[in-house]
């Protein structure tokens, strides 16, 4: 399960210090599909702002089965 979930949360965005109740809902949905958030090998933003006043964000997420070879073993490519 992948996509731009438009949810900011400290669980997947280390530069963001808040917790979102939407993260809990998304986690429940992922649990119902028996998938877990897969964390990349290096934490990078997945959305870069054109405005220097705005911060870069982690909004694109990937949920995989924990026994998948790609689980916690993927990279984010800036291009």
C-alpha atoms as a PDB file:
ATOM      1  CA  UNK A   1       0.000   0.000   0.000  1.00  0.00           C
ATOM      2  CA  UNK A   2       1.704   3.200  -1.159  1.00  0.00           C
ATOM      3  CA  UNK A   3       0.782   6.789  -1.701  1.00  0.00           C
ATOM      4  CA  UNK A   4       0.847  10.424  -0.749  1.00  0.00           C
ATOM      5  CA  UNK A   5      -1.144  10.274   2.476  1.00  0.00           C
ATOM      6  CA  UNK A   6      -0.809  13.999   3.344  1.00  0.00           C
ATOM      7  CA  UNK A   7      -0.346  13.150   7.026  1.00  0.00           C
ATOM      8  CA  UNK A   8       2.490  14.681   8.980  1.00  0.00           C
ATOM      9  CA  UNK A   9       3.644  12.696  11.986  1.00  0.00           C
ATOM     10  CA  UNK A  10       6.852  12.292  13.956  1.00  0.00           C
ATOM     11  CA  UNK A  11       6.671   8.506  13.480  1.00  0.00           C
ATOM     12  CA  UNK A  12       7.828   8.799   9.846  1.00  0.00           C
ATOM     13  CA  UNK A  13       9.070  12.402   9.661  1.00  0.00           C
ATOM     14  CA  UNK A  14      11.917  12.799  12.135  1.00  0.00           C
ATOM     15  CA  UNK A  15      11.982  16.576  11.607  1.00  0.00           C
ATOM     16  CA  UNK A  16       8.337  16.902  12.680  1.00  0.00           C
ATOM     17  CA  UNK A  17       7.778  16.789  16.424  1.00  0.00           C
ATOM     18  CA  UNK A  18       4.012  16.256  16.619  1.00  0.00           C
ATOM     19  CA  UNK A  19       1.673  13.290  16.573  1.00  0.00           C
ATOM     20  CA  UNK A  20      -1.417  13.174  14.364  1.00  0.00           C
ATOM     21  CA  UNK A  21      -4.589  11.276  15.201  1.00  0.00           C
ATOM     22  CA  UNK A  22      -4.797  10.555  11.452  1.00  0.00           C
ATOM     23  CA  UNK A  23      -1.647   8.468  11.839  1.00  0.00           C
ATOM     24  CA  UNK A  24      -3.532   6.225  14.248  1.00  0.00           C
ATOM     25  CA  UNK A  25      -6.360   5.765  11.747  1.00  0.00           C
ATOM     26  CA  UNK A  26      -3.925   5.020   8.932  1.00  0.00           C
ATOM     27  CA  UNK A  27      -2.131   2.486  11.153  1.00  0.00           C
ATOM     28  CA  UNK A  28      -5.433   0.747  11.896  1.00  0.00           C
ATOM     29  CA  UNK A  29      -6.213   0.525   8.174  1.00  0.00           C
ATOM     30  CA  UNK A  30      -2.734  -0.847   7.464  1.00  0.00           C
ATOM     31  CA  UNK A  31      -3.178  -3.413  10.248  1.00  0.00           C
ATOM     32  CA  UNK A  32      -6.425  -4.566   8.668  1.00  0.00           C
ATOM     33  CA  UNK A  33      -4.439  -5.355   5.481  1.00  0.00           C
ATOM     34  CA  UNK A  34      -1.640  -6.998   7.535  1.00  0.00           C
ATOM     35  CA  UNK A  35       0.972  -4.501   6.329  1.00  0.00           C
ATOM     36  CA  UNK A  36       3.330  -2.245   8.268  1.00  0.00           C
ATOM     37  CA  UNK A  37       5.061   1.032   7.499  1.00  0.00           C
ATOM     38  CA  UNK A  38       8.327   0.309   5.741  1.00  0.00           C
ATOM     39  CA  UNK A  39      11.037   2.791   6.671  1.00  0.00           C
ATOM     40  CA  UNK A  40      13.679   3.693   4.068  1.00  0.00           C
ATOM     41  CA  UNK A  41      17.355   2.949   4.580  1.00  0.00           C
ATOM     42  CA  UNK A  42      17.961   6.719   4.764  1.00  0.00           C
ATOM     43  CA  UNK A  43      15.388   9.228   5.983  1.00  0.00           C
ATOM     44  CA  UNK A  44      14.764  11.893   3.327  1.00  0.00           C
ATOM     45  CA  UNK A  45      11.805  14.139   2.576  1.00  0.00           C
ATOM     46  CA  UNK A  46       9.427  12.896  -0.102  1.00  0.00           C
ATOM     47  CA  UNK A  47       8.039  16.358  -0.889  1.00  0.00           C
ATOM     48  CA  UNK A  48      10.284  19.336  -1.507  1.00  0.00           C
ATOM     49  CA  UNK A  49       8.813  22.808  -1.243  1.00  0.00           C
ATOM     50  CA  UNK A  50       9.473  25.464  -3.875  1.00  0.00           C
ATOM     51  CA  UNK A  51       8.950  28.090  -1.180  1.00  0.00           C
ATOM     52  CA  UNK A  52      11.987  28.579   1.065  1.00  0.00           C
ATOM     53  CA  UNK A  53       9.611  29.553   3.892  1.00  0.00           C
ATOM     54  CA  UNK A  54       8.056  26.053   3.918  1.00  0.00           C
ATOM     55  CA  UNK A  55       9.777  22.940   5.167  1.00  0.00           C
ATOM     56  CA  UNK A  56      10.315  19.766   3.186  1.00  0.00           C
ATOM     57  CA  UNK A  57       7.989  16.954   4.236  1.00  0.00           C
ATOM     58  CA  UNK A  58       7.581  13.209   4.433  1.00  0.00           C
ATOM     59  CA  UNK A  59       4.117  12.525   3.021  1.00  0.00           C
ATOM     60  CA  UNK A  60       4.660   9.581   0.677  1.00  0.00           C
ATOM     61  CA  UNK A  61       4.596   6.301   2.539  1.00  0.00           C
ATOM     62  CA  UNK A  62       4.917   2.610   1.728  1.00  0.00           C
ATOM     63  CA  UNK A  63       3.322  -0.175   3.740  1.00  0.00           C
ATOM     64  CA  UNK A  64       4.531  -3.728   3.126  1.00  0.00           C
ATOM     65  CA  UNK A  65       4.246  -7.180   4.645  1.00  0.00           C
ATOM     66  CA  UNK A  66       6.985  -7.395   7.259  1.00  0.00           C
ATOM     67  CA  UNK A  67       8.338 -10.611   5.700  1.00  0.00           C
ATOM     68  CA  UNK A  68       8.848  -8.896   2.323  1.00  0.00           C
ATOM     69  CA  UNK A  69      12.457  -8.570   1.113  1.00  0.00           C
ATOM     70  CA  UNK A  70      11.872  -4.845   0.531  1.00  0.00           C
ATOM     71  CA  UNK A  71      10.546  -4.206   4.056  1.00  0.00           C
ATOM     72  CA  UNK A  72      12.773  -1.541   5.692  1.00  0.00           C
ATOM     73  CA  UNK A  73      15.168  -2.020   2.778  1.00  0.00           C
ATOM     74  CA  UNK A  74      14.209   0.623   0.223  1.00  0.00           C
ATOM     75  CA  UNK A  75      15.664   3.962  -0.869  1.00  0.00           C
ATOM     76  CA  UNK A  76      14.170   7.317  -1.766  1.00  0.00           C
ATOM     77  CA  UNK A  77      15.506   8.712  -5.044  1.00  0.00           C
ATOM     78  CA  UNK A  78      15.514  12.488  -5.157  1.00  0.00           C
ATOM     79  CA  UNK A  79      14.700  12.648  -8.853  1.00  0.00           C
END
